[in-house]
């Protein structure tokens, strides 16, 4: 049986909400649409509603705009895509040959400084939240922020409430201090939806071996990002290098995919868009990885975390 392929992060909603592209229609622009997801064998695509820091004063409204665009796109193509909020709905969608679309919010500015807004997002079908983007926000410091020295009291409260609700906590973009504060507060698994290995390429957005091990020890996963600026080279082989390194440090049970498609200005050769993901499977096979490990990396590990957190 073919594995369910899960991509933990794309920014396609920005184009959809702006009217630049339609999810159902193949485009020569960008990286993700339903035809290319189907060609690439993607069963589960996490769509991020990214609230840019410059829009922080209207963060909740911006999140609603993107969520509405997501809903409209799903409702326009019921034969091809389903808004999935449970693992059962993912399995049902994949069994019917449809894409299971999971809704995430990227950047806690979407909460407008209100803990209660988290429940609002949950009711709208959001099942993952990235606490920060690169700067600081009311929840804590991102990788380029030094305003708080880590997570704030609100950020800690958000983490606790996310675990109560059953939302996946996304550590990508956190500063190192915020990351370790998160590890102190969280009790269950966390993910870094689109981050790479600092040891292979020392970029602030990448994770150190200690951070990778901490996520693994919690039962979480890290989705390998396809951005050449985080990889250190613009090639499929370099993506495979990061996957292999992270599997060595964390174990094969804790590596996933987080392409960052439509949020990156350039994709690696061989992974130019979502339709090319079979090249990743072929590359892992060519490097001698066992089929069961490939299945886990392509999607099994991410589904395990969804199953545990959403339960």
C-alpha atoms as a PDB file:
ATOM      1  CA  UNK A   1       0.000   0.000   0.000  1.00  0.00           C
ATOM      2  CA  UNK A   2       1.299   3.444  -0.876  1.00  0.00           C
ATOM      3  CA  UNK A   3       2.137   5.678   2.084  1.00  0.00           C
ATOM      4  CA  UNK A   4       0.022   8.707   2.889  1.00  0.00           C
ATOM      5  CA  UNK A   5       2.204  11.697   2.033  1.00  0.00           C
ATOM      6  CA  UNK A   6       1.847  14.599   4.469  1.00  0.00           C
ATOM      7  CA  UNK A   7       3.273  18.076   3.892  1.00  0.00           C
ATOM      8  CA  UNK A   8       3.215  20.028   7.148  1.00  0.00           C
ATOM      9  CA  UNK A   9       3.492  23.530   5.689  1.00  0.00           C
ATOM     10  CA  UNK A  10       2.662  25.574   2.614  1.00  0.00           C
ATOM     11  CA  UNK A  11       1.766  29.248   2.181  1.00  0.00           C
ATOM     12  CA  UNK A  12      -0.577  28.802  -0.779  1.00  0.00           C
ATOM     13  CA  UNK A  13      -3.470  30.560   0.988  1.00  0.00           C
ATOM     14  CA  UNK A  14      -1.741  33.899   0.420  1.00  0.00           C
ATOM     15  CA  UNK A  15      -2.171  33.578  -3.344  1.00  0.00           C
ATOM     16  CA  UNK A  16      -5.656  32.123  -3.036  1.00  0.00           C
ATOM     17  CA  UNK A  17      -6.883  34.909  -0.765  1.00  0.00           C
ATOM     18  CA  UNK A  18      -5.385  37.581  -2.998  1.00  0.00           C
ATOM     19  CA  UNK A  19      -7.081  36.102  -6.058  1.00  0.00           C
ATOM     20  CA  UNK A  20      -3.780  35.426  -7.804  1.00  0.00           C
ATOM     21  CA  UNK A  21      -4.522  31.713  -8.201  1.00  0.00           C
ATOM     22  CA  UNK A  22      -7.272  29.172  -7.580  1.00  0.00           C
ATOM     23  CA  UNK A  23      -6.601  26.017  -5.604  1.00  0.00           C
ATOM     24  CA  UNK A  24      -8.557  23.829  -8.030  1.00  0.00           C
ATOM     25  CA  UNK A  25      -6.772  25.050 -11.154  1.00  0.00           C
ATOM     26  CA  UNK A  26      -3.320  24.095 -12.356  1.00  0.00           C
ATOM     27  CA  UNK A  27      -1.059  27.111 -12.508  1.00  0.00           C
ATOM     28  CA  UNK A  28       2.323  27.816 -13.992  1.00  0.00           C
ATOM     29  CA  UNK A  29       2.943  29.963 -10.935  1.00  0.00           C
ATOM     30  CA  UNK A  30       3.811  28.870  -7.423  1.00  0.00           C
ATOM     31  CA  UNK A  31       4.150  25.331  -6.155  1.00  0.00           C
ATOM     32  CA  UNK A  32       0.817  23.978  -4.908  1.00  0.00           C
ATOM     33  CA  UNK A  33      -2.623  23.433  -6.396  1.00  0.00           C
ATOM     34  CA  UNK A  34      -4.950  20.432  -6.398  1.00  0.00           C
ATOM     35  CA  UNK A  35      -3.795  19.021  -9.761  1.00  0.00           C
ATOM     36  CA  UNK A  36      -0.154  19.147  -8.698  1.00  0.00           C
ATOM     37  CA  UNK A  37      -0.910  17.731  -5.235  1.00  0.00           C
ATOM     38  CA  UNK A  38      -2.631  14.766  -6.881  1.00  0.00           C
ATOM     39  CA  UNK A  39       0.274  14.254  -9.294  1.00  0.00           C
ATOM     40  CA  UNK A  40       2.691  14.317  -6.388  1.00  0.00           C
ATOM     41  CA  UNK A  41       0.681  11.793  -4.417  1.00  0.00           C
ATOM     42  CA  UNK A  42       0.096  14.208  -1.531  1.00  0.00           C
ATOM     43  CA  UNK A  43      -2.687  12.935   0.708  1.00  0.00           C
ATOM     44  CA  UNK A  44      -2.513  15.584   3.422  1.00  0.00           C
ATOM     45  CA  UNK A  45      -1.561  19.214   2.891  1.00  0.00           C
ATOM     46  CA  UNK A  46      -1.342  21.615   5.809  1.00  0.00           C
ATOM     47  CA  UNK A  47      -2.316  25.105   4.657  1.00  0.00           C
ATOM     48  CA  UNK A  48      -0.909  27.925   6.772  1.00  0.00           C
ATOM     49  CA  UNK A  49      -2.905  31.099   7.328  1.00  0.00           C
ATOM     50  CA  UNK A  50       0.132  33.349   7.687  1.00  0.00           C
ATOM     51  CA  UNK A  51      -0.383  36.651   9.481  1.00  0.00           C
ATOM     52  CA  UNK A  52       2.477  38.934   8.460  1.00  0.00           C
ATOM     53  CA  UNK A  53       3.920  40.967  11.362  1.00  0.00           C
ATOM     54  CA  UNK A  54       3.095  44.220   9.566  1.00  0.00           C
ATOM     55  CA  UNK A  55      -0.560  43.192   9.820  1.00  0.00           C
ATOM     56  CA  UNK A  56      -0.382  42.536  13.565  1.00  0.00           C
ATOM     57  CA  UNK A  57      -2.757  45.431  14.433  1.00  0.00           C
ATOM     58  CA  UNK A  58      -5.477  43.550  12.539  1.00  0.00           C
ATOM     59  CA  UNK A  59      -4.145  40.055  13.157  1.00  0.00           C
ATOM     60  CA  UNK A  60      -7.453  38.332  13.998  1.00  0.00           C
ATOM     61  CA  UNK A  61      -9.167  39.903  10.996  1.00  0.00           C
ATOM     62  CA  UNK A  62      -6.320  38.860   8.686  1.00  0.00           C
ATOM     63  CA  UNK A  63      -6.524  35.289   9.979  1.00  0.00           C
ATOM     64  CA  UNK A  64     -10.281  35.269   9.296  1.00  0.00           C
ATOM     65  CA  UNK A  65      -9.710  36.478   5.723  1.00  0.00           C
ATOM     66  CA  UNK A  66      -7.326  33.618   5.027  1.00  0.00           C
ATOM     67  CA  UNK A  67      -9.532  31.053   6.770  1.00  0.00           C
ATOM     68  CA  UNK A  68     -12.501  32.194   4.686  1.00  0.00           C
ATOM     69  CA  UNK A  69     -10.435  31.825   1.516  1.00  0.00           C
ATOM     70  CA  UNK A  70      -9.481  28.317   2.629  1.00  0.00           C
ATOM     71  CA  UNK A  71     -13.091  27.372   3.290  1.00  0.00           C
ATOM     72  CA  UNK A  72     -14.287  28.765  -0.032  1.00  0.00           C
ATOM     73  CA  UNK A  73     -11.610  26.813  -1.912  1.00  0.00           C
ATOM     74  CA  UNK A  74     -12.504  23.558  -0.175  1.00  0.00           C
ATOM     75  CA  UNK A  75     -16.235  24.082  -0.668  1.00  0.00           C
ATOM     76  CA  UNK A  76     -15.677  24.796  -4.369  1.00  0.00           C
ATOM     77  CA  UNK A  77     -14.066  21.368  -4.944  1.00  0.00           C
ATOM     78  CA  UNK A  78     -15.867  18.805  -2.740  1.00  0.00           C
ATOM     79  CA  UNK A  79     -14.971  16.044  -5.182  1.00  0.00           C
ATOM     80  CA  UNK A  80     -11.248  16.662  -4.703  1.00  0.00           C
ATOM     81  CA  UNK A  81     -10.512  18.098  -1.246  1.00  0.00           C
ATOM     82  CA  UNK A  82     -11.822  17.861   2.327  1.00  0.00           C
ATOM     83  CA  UNK A  83     -11.194  20.105   5.329  1.00  0.00           C
ATOM     84  CA  UNK A  84      -9.801  17.549   7.780  1.00  0.00           C
ATOM     85  CA  UNK A  85      -9.912  18.141  11.532  1.00  0.00           C
ATOM     86  CA  UNK A  86      -9.504  14.537  12.701  1.00  0.00           C
ATOM     87  CA  UNK A  87      -7.360  11.589  11.676  1.00  0.00           C
ATOM     88  CA  UNK A  88     -10.580   9.730  10.805  1.00  0.00           C
ATOM     89  CA  UNK A  89     -11.467  12.460   8.318  1.00  0.00           C
ATOM     90  CA  UNK A  90      -7.962  12.269   6.854  1.00  0.00           C
ATOM     91  CA  UNK A  91      -8.280   8.519   6.406  1.00  0.00           C
ATOM     92  CA  UNK A  92     -11.732   8.874   4.853  1.00  0.00           C
ATOM     93  CA  UNK A  93     -10.517  11.552   2.433  1.00  0.00           C
ATOM     94  CA  UNK A  94      -7.441   9.604   1.381  1.00  0.00           C
ATOM     95  CA  UNK A  95      -9.521   6.455   0.971  1.00  0.00           C
ATOM     96  CA  UNK A  96     -11.773   8.360  -1.424  1.00  0.00           C
ATOM     97  CA  UNK A  97      -8.829   9.690  -3.420  1.00  0.00           C
ATOM     98  CA  UNK A  98      -9.224  13.230  -2.091  1.00  0.00           C
ATOM     99  CA  UNK A  99      -6.688  15.605  -0.573  1.00  0.00           C
ATOM    100  CA  UNK A 100      -7.139  16.127   3.176  1.00  0.00           C
ATOM    101  CA  UNK A 101      -6.571  19.832   3.820  1.00  0.00           C
ATOM    102  CA  UNK A 102      -5.505  20.707   7.362  1.00  0.00           C
ATOM    103  CA  UNK A 103      -5.755  24.318   8.494  1.00  0.00           C
ATOM    104  CA  UNK A 104      -2.926  25.951  10.435  1.00  0.00           C
ATOM    105  CA  UNK A 105      -2.257  29.505  11.566  1.00  0.00           C
ATOM    106  CA  UNK A 106       1.275  30.856  11.360  1.00  0.00           C
ATOM    107  CA  UNK A 107       2.129  33.626  13.830  1.00  0.00           C
ATOM    108  CA  UNK A 108       0.430  34.215  17.175  1.00  0.00           C
ATOM    109  CA  UNK A 109      -0.348  37.786  16.108  1.00  0.00           C
ATOM    110  CA  UNK A 110      -3.536  36.125  14.832  1.00  0.00           C
ATOM    111  CA  UNK A 111      -4.772  36.064  18.442  1.00  0.00           C
ATOM    112  CA  UNK A 112      -4.640  39.830  18.885  1.00  0.00           C
ATOM    113  CA  UNK A 113      -3.199  39.371  22.377  1.00  0.00           C
ATOM    114  CA  UNK A 114      -6.283  37.450  23.577  1.00  0.00           C
ATOM    115  CA  UNK A 115      -6.126  33.884  24.870  1.00  0.00           C
ATOM    116  CA  UNK A 116      -9.849  33.517  24.131  1.00  0.00           C
ATOM    117  CA  UNK A 117      -9.146  33.983  20.422  1.00  0.00           C
ATOM    118  CA  UNK A 118      -7.462  30.573  20.413  1.00  0.00           C
ATOM    119  CA  UNK A 119     -10.810  28.901  21.059  1.00  0.00           C
ATOM    120  CA  UNK A 120     -12.285  30.935  18.198  1.00  0.00           C
ATOM    121  CA  UNK A 121      -9.625  29.569  15.844  1.00  0.00           C
ATOM    122  CA  UNK A 122     -10.279  26.035  17.028  1.00  0.00           C
ATOM    123  CA  UNK A 123     -13.996  26.426  16.342  1.00  0.00           C
ATOM    124  CA  UNK A 124     -13.106  27.577  12.830  1.00  0.00           C
ATOM    125  CA  UNK A 125     -11.274  24.306  12.234  1.00  0.00           C
ATOM    126  CA  UNK A 126      -7.686  25.369  12.934  1.00  0.00           C
ATOM    127  CA  UNK A 127      -5.700  22.413  14.260  1.00  0.00           C
ATOM    128  CA  UNK A 128      -2.133  23.790  14.332  1.00  0.00           C
ATOM    129  CA  UNK A 129      -0.623  27.098  15.430  1.00  0.00           C
ATOM    130  CA  UNK A 130       2.864  28.509  14.954  1.00  0.00           C
ATOM    131  CA  UNK A 131       3.499  30.649  18.029  1.00  0.00           C
ATOM    132  CA  UNK A 132       5.635  33.287  16.311  1.00  0.00           C
ATOM    133  CA  UNK A 133       7.058  34.304  13.010  1.00  0.00           C
ATOM    134  CA  UNK A 134      10.574  35.772  12.934  1.00  0.00           C
ATOM    135  CA  UNK A 135      10.058  38.923  15.109  1.00  0.00           C
ATOM    136  CA  UNK A 136       8.717  39.076  18.647  1.00  0.00           C
ATOM    137  CA  UNK A 137       4.983  39.123  19.244  1.00  0.00           C
ATOM    138  CA  UNK A 138       2.785  39.071  22.384  1.00  0.00           C
ATOM    139  CA  UNK A 139       3.436  35.332  22.800  1.00  0.00           C
ATOM    140  CA  UNK A 140       7.223  35.480  22.717  1.00  0.00           C
ATOM    141  CA  UNK A 141      10.346  35.989  20.635  1.00  0.00           C
ATOM    142  CA  UNK A 142      10.862  34.663  17.137  1.00  0.00           C
ATOM    143  CA  UNK A 143      14.301  33.869  15.758  1.00  0.00           C
ATOM    144  CA  UNK A 144      15.008  37.565  15.082  1.00  0.00           C
ATOM    145  CA  UNK A 145      13.303  38.933  18.207  1.00  0.00           C
ATOM    146  CA  UNK A 146      14.794  39.756  21.590  1.00  0.00           C
ATOM    147  CA  UNK A 147      11.946  41.660  23.201  1.00  0.00           C
ATOM    148  CA  UNK A 148      10.888  39.173  25.885  1.00  0.00           C
ATOM    149  CA  UNK A 149      13.786  36.788  26.432  1.00  0.00           C
ATOM    150  CA  UNK A 150      11.594  33.804  25.512  1.00  0.00           C
ATOM    151  CA  UNK A 151       7.900  33.074  25.826  1.00  0.00           C
ATOM    152  CA  UNK A 152       5.656  35.529  27.647  1.00  0.00           C
ATOM    153  CA  UNK A 153       3.061  34.605  30.261  1.00  0.00           C
ATOM    154  CA  UNK A 154       0.475  34.806  27.476  1.00  0.00           C
ATOM    155  CA  UNK A 155       2.586  32.531  25.308  1.00  0.00           C
ATOM    156  CA  UNK A 156       2.786  29.962  28.080  1.00  0.00           C
ATOM    157  CA  UNK A 157      -0.964  30.171  28.620  1.00  0.00           C
ATOM    158  CA  UNK A 158      -1.525  29.663  24.885  1.00  0.00           C
ATOM    159  CA  UNK A 159       0.637  26.537  24.939  1.00  0.00           C
ATOM    160  CA  UNK A 160      -1.319  25.104  27.863  1.00  0.00           C
ATOM    161  CA  UNK A 161      -4.669  25.909  26.231  1.00  0.00           C
ATOM    162  CA  UNK A 162      -3.555  24.402  22.901  1.00  0.00           C
ATOM    163  CA  UNK A 163      -2.823  21.132  24.653  1.00  0.00           C
ATOM    164  CA  UNK A 164      -6.229  21.237  26.363  1.00  0.00           C
ATOM    165  CA  UNK A 165      -7.991  21.835  23.045  1.00  0.00           C
ATOM    166  CA  UNK A 166      -5.932  19.341  21.075  1.00  0.00           C
ATOM    167  CA  UNK A 167      -4.039  21.654  18.730  1.00  0.00           C
ATOM    168  CA  UNK A 168      -0.597  20.899  17.349  1.00  0.00           C
ATOM    169  CA  UNK A 169       2.017  23.327  18.693  1.00  0.00           C
ATOM    170  CA  UNK A 170       4.412  24.476  15.967  1.00  0.00           C
ATOM    171  CA  UNK A 171       7.886  25.550  17.116  1.00  0.00           C
ATOM    172  CA  UNK A 172       9.209  26.691  13.733  1.00  0.00           C
ATOM    173  CA  UNK A 173      10.365  30.343  13.815  1.00  0.00           C
ATOM    174  CA  UNK A 174      10.847  30.412  17.609  1.00  0.00           C
ATOM    175  CA  UNK A 175      14.002  31.917  19.101  1.00  0.00           C
ATOM    176  CA  UNK A 176      16.143  29.423  20.977  1.00  0.00           C
ATOM    177  CA  UNK A 177      15.056  30.887  24.333  1.00  0.00           C
ATOM    178  CA  UNK A 178      11.392  30.639  23.337  1.00  0.00           C
ATOM    179  CA  UNK A 179      11.965  27.074  22.155  1.00  0.00           C
ATOM    180  CA  UNK A 180      13.331  25.968  25.500  1.00  0.00           C
ATOM    181  CA  UNK A 181      10.548  27.787  27.333  1.00  0.00           C
ATOM    182  CA  UNK A 182       8.119  25.822  25.184  1.00  0.00           C
ATOM    183  CA  UNK A 183       9.847  22.598  26.161  1.00  0.00           C
ATOM    184  CA  UNK A 184       9.393  23.573  29.814  1.00  0.00           C
ATOM    185  CA  UNK A 185       5.663  24.243  29.442  1.00  0.00           C
ATOM    186  CA  UNK A 186       4.433  21.664  26.938  1.00  0.00           C
ATOM    187  CA  UNK A 187       3.632  18.184  28.148  1.00  0.00           C
ATOM    188  CA  UNK A 188       2.890  16.434  24.851  1.00  0.00           C
ATOM    189  CA  UNK A 189       4.528  16.285  21.433  1.00  0.00           C
ATOM    190  CA  UNK A 190       5.359  19.453  19.509  1.00  0.00           C
ATOM    191  CA  UNK A 191       6.368  19.872  15.886  1.00  0.00           C
ATOM    192  CA  UNK A 192       8.649  22.168  13.965  1.00  0.00           C
ATOM    193  CA  UNK A 193       6.619  22.134  10.771  1.00  0.00           C
ATOM    194  CA  UNK A 194       9.236  23.566   8.403  1.00  0.00           C
ATOM    195  CA  UNK A 195      12.789  23.642   9.802  1.00  0.00           C
ATOM    196  CA  UNK A 196      16.127  22.027   9.008  1.00  0.00           C
ATOM    197  CA  UNK A 197      19.354  20.932  10.689  1.00  0.00           C
ATOM    198  CA  UNK A 198      21.624  23.701  11.960  1.00  0.00           C
ATOM    199  CA  UNK A 199      24.613  21.319  11.931  1.00  0.00           C
ATOM    200  CA  UNK A 200      24.368  21.017   8.135  1.00  0.00           C
ATOM    201  CA  UNK A 201      23.631  24.697   7.538  1.00  0.00           C
ATOM    202  CA  UNK A 202      23.926  27.176  10.447  1.00  0.00           C
ATOM    203  CA  UNK A 203      20.942  29.397   9.655  1.00  0.00           C
ATOM    204  CA  UNK A 204      18.964  30.932  12.568  1.00  0.00           C
ATOM    205  CA  UNK A 205      15.804  29.200  11.308  1.00  0.00           C
ATOM    206  CA  UNK A 206      17.398  25.775  11.611  1.00  0.00           C
ATOM    207  CA  UNK A 207      17.469  23.593  14.722  1.00  0.00           C
ATOM    208  CA  UNK A 208      20.487  22.478  16.733  1.00  0.00           C
ATOM    209  CA  UNK A 209      21.049  18.825  17.569  1.00  0.00           C
ATOM    210  CA  UNK A 210      19.876  19.528  21.135  1.00  0.00           C
ATOM    211  CA  UNK A 211      16.620  20.994  19.833  1.00  0.00           C
ATOM    212  CA  UNK A 212      16.097  18.091  17.442  1.00  0.00           C
ATOM    213  CA  UNK A 213      16.616  15.592  20.253  1.00  0.00           C
ATOM    214  CA  UNK A 214      14.261  17.498  22.553  1.00  0.00           C
ATOM    215  CA  UNK A 215      11.468  17.312  19.967  1.00  0.00           C
ATOM    216  CA  UNK A 216      12.135  13.614  19.432  1.00  0.00           C
ATOM    217  CA  UNK A 217      12.081  12.905  23.162  1.00  0.00           C
ATOM    218  CA  UNK A 218       8.598  14.437  23.305  1.00  0.00           C
ATOM    219  CA  UNK A 219       7.428  12.219  20.466  1.00  0.00           C
ATOM    220  CA  UNK A 220       7.229  15.124  18.020  1.00  0.00           C
ATOM    221  CA  UNK A 221       8.424  15.610  14.454  1.00  0.00           C
ATOM    222  CA  UNK A 222      10.380  18.097  12.358  1.00  0.00           C
ATOM    223  CA  UNK A 223       9.262  18.764   8.797  1.00  0.00           C
ATOM    224  CA  UNK A 224      12.208  19.248   6.443  1.00  0.00           C
ATOM    225  CA  UNK A 225      11.981  22.622   4.677  1.00  0.00           C
ATOM    226  CA  UNK A 226      12.775  22.794   0.940  1.00  0.00           C
ATOM    227  CA  UNK A 227      14.073  26.385   0.952  1.00  0.00           C
ATOM    228  CA  UNK A 228      17.643  26.420  -0.441  1.00  0.00           C
ATOM    229  CA  UNK A 229      18.518  29.216   1.984  1.00  0.00           C
ATOM    230  CA  UNK A 230      17.920  26.820   4.873  1.00  0.00           C
ATOM    231  CA  UNK A 231      19.295  23.752   3.096  1.00  0.00           C
ATOM    232  CA  UNK A 232      22.615  25.215   1.987  1.00  0.00           C
ATOM    233  CA  UNK A 233      22.078  24.178  -1.655  1.00  0.00           C
ATOM    234  CA  UNK A 234      19.236  24.118  -4.170  1.00  0.00           C
ATOM    235  CA  UNK A 235      19.113  20.391  -4.878  1.00  0.00           C
ATOM    236  CA  UNK A 236      17.109  17.283  -4.089  1.00  0.00           C
ATOM    237  CA  UNK A 237      20.274  15.683  -2.754  1.00  0.00           C
ATOM    238  CA  UNK A 238      20.608  18.428  -0.157  1.00  0.00           C
ATOM    239  CA  UNK A 239      17.038  17.825   1.025  1.00  0.00           C
ATOM    240  CA  UNK A 240      17.926  14.148   1.353  1.00  0.00           C
ATOM    241  CA  UNK A 241      21.066  15.097   3.306  1.00  0.00           C
ATOM    242  CA  UNK A 242      18.969  16.979   5.883  1.00  0.00           C
ATOM    243  CA  UNK A 243      16.467  14.134   6.132  1.00  0.00           C
ATOM    244  CA  UNK A 244      19.227  11.606   6.694  1.00  0.00           C
ATOM    245  CA  UNK A 245      21.055  13.761   9.213  1.00  0.00           C
ATOM    246  CA  UNK A 246      17.914  14.445  11.206  1.00  0.00           C
ATOM    247  CA  UNK A 247      16.977  10.764  11.124  1.00  0.00           C
ATOM    248  CA  UNK A 248      20.409   9.943  12.533  1.00  0.00           C
ATOM    249  CA  UNK A 249      20.077  12.504  15.350  1.00  0.00           C
ATOM    250  CA  UNK A 250      16.375  12.048  16.134  1.00  0.00           C
ATOM    251  CA  UNK A 251      15.532   8.609  14.815  1.00  0.00           C
ATOM    252  CA  UNK A 252      13.477   7.865  11.706  1.00  0.00           C
ATOM    253  CA  UNK A 253      10.260   8.147  13.754  1.00  0.00           C
ATOM    254  CA  UNK A 254      10.636  11.912  14.098  1.00  0.00           C
ATOM    255  CA  UNK A 255      11.383  13.253  10.612  1.00  0.00           C
ATOM    256  CA  UNK A 256       8.622  14.556   8.340  1.00  0.00           C
ATOM    257  CA  UNK A 257       8.106  16.883   5.372  1.00  0.00           C
ATOM    258  CA  UNK A 258       7.390  20.612   5.616  1.00  0.00           C
ATOM    259  CA  UNK A 259       8.066  21.935   2.140  1.00  0.00           C
ATOM    260  CA  UNK A 260       7.290  25.636   2.750  1.00  0.00           C
ATOM    261  CA  UNK A 261       6.007  25.663  -0.836  1.00  0.00           C
ATOM    262  CA  UNK A 262       4.572  29.006  -1.935  1.00  0.00           C
ATOM    263  CA  UNK A 263       6.420  30.644   0.937  1.00  0.00           C
ATOM    264  CA  UNK A 264       9.862  30.275  -0.613  1.00  0.00           C
ATOM    265  CA  UNK A 265      11.256  32.216  -3.594  1.00  0.00           C
ATOM    266  CA  UNK A 266      13.071  29.191  -4.987  1.00  0.00           C
ATOM    267  CA  UNK A 267      12.571  25.434  -4.760  1.00  0.00           C
ATOM    268  CA  UNK A 268      15.311  22.818  -5.161  1.00  0.00           C
ATOM    269  CA  UNK A 269      16.042  21.247  -8.514  1.00  0.00           C
ATOM    270  CA  UNK A 270      14.064  18.016  -8.569  1.00  0.00           C
ATOM    271  CA  UNK A 271      11.427  19.375  -6.174  1.00  0.00           C
ATOM    272  CA  UNK A 272      10.247  22.317  -8.241  1.00  0.00           C
ATOM    273  CA  UNK A 273       6.644  21.964  -7.072  1.00  0.00           C
ATOM    274  CA  UNK A 274       4.297  19.518  -5.325  1.00  0.00           C
ATOM    275  CA  UNK A 275       4.039  17.292  -8.399  1.00  0.00           C
ATOM    276  CA  UNK A 276       7.730  16.374  -8.000  1.00  0.00           C
ATOM    277  CA  UNK A 277       7.469  14.761  -4.558  1.00  0.00           C
ATOM    278  CA  UNK A 278       7.827  11.226  -5.981  1.00  0.00           C
ATOM    279  CA  UNK A 279      11.458  12.210  -6.655  1.00  0.00           C
ATOM    280  CA  UNK A 280      11.934  12.427  -2.897  1.00  0.00           C
ATOM    281  CA  UNK A 281      10.675   8.880  -2.402  1.00  0.00           C
ATOM    282  CA  UNK A 282      12.898   7.669  -5.217  1.00  0.00           C
ATOM    283  CA  UNK A 283      15.879   9.460  -3.718  1.00  0.00           C
ATOM    284  CA  UNK A 284      15.362   7.844  -0.327  1.00  0.00           C
ATOM    285  CA  UNK A 285      15.046   4.421  -1.960  1.00  0.00           C
ATOM    286  CA  UNK A 286      18.214   5.015  -3.979  1.00  0.00           C
ATOM    287  CA  UNK A 287      20.065   5.804  -0.762  1.00  0.00           C
ATOM    288  CA  UNK A 288      19.016   2.463   0.674  1.00  0.00           C
ATOM    289  CA  UNK A 289      16.360   3.478   3.178  1.00  0.00           C
ATOM    290  CA  UNK A 290      13.980   0.750   4.257  1.00  0.00           C
ATOM    291  CA  UNK A 291      10.404   1.055   2.943  1.00  0.00           C
ATOM    292  CA  UNK A 292       8.970   1.300   6.450  1.00  0.00           C
ATOM    293  CA  UNK A 293      11.262   4.240   7.257  1.00  0.00           C
ATOM    294  CA  UNK A 294      10.344   5.980   3.995  1.00  0.00           C
ATOM    295  CA  UNK A 295       6.641   5.576   4.781  1.00  0.00           C
ATOM    296  CA  UNK A 296       7.158   7.146   8.201  1.00  0.00           C
ATOM    297  CA  UNK A 297       9.104  10.121   6.841  1.00  0.00           C
ATOM    298  CA  UNK A 298       6.668  10.764   4.000  1.00  0.00           C
ATOM    299  CA  UNK A 299       3.664  10.921   6.302  1.00  0.00           C
ATOM    300  CA  UNK A 300       3.361   8.231   8.943  1.00  0.00           C
ATOM    301  CA  UNK A 301       5.211  10.216  11.590  1.00  0.00           C
ATOM    302  CA  UNK A 302       3.088  13.323  11.080  1.00  0.00           C
ATOM    303  CA  UNK A 303      -0.111  11.271  11.220  1.00  0.00           C
ATOM    304  CA  UNK A 304       1.039   9.700  14.486  1.00  0.00           C
ATOM    305  CA  UNK A 305       1.400  13.154  16.052  1.00  0.00           C
ATOM    306  CA  UNK A 306      -1.986  14.264  14.694  1.00  0.00           C
ATOM    307  CA  UNK A 307      -3.559  11.121  16.151  1.00  0.00           C
ATOM    308  CA  UNK A 308      -2.032  11.717  19.569  1.00  0.00           C
ATOM    309  CA  UNK A 309      -2.662  15.460  19.826  1.00  0.00           C
ATOM    310  CA  UNK A 310      -6.099  15.626  18.236  1.00  0.00           C
ATOM    311  CA  UNK A 311      -7.385  12.726  20.338  1.00  0.00           C
END
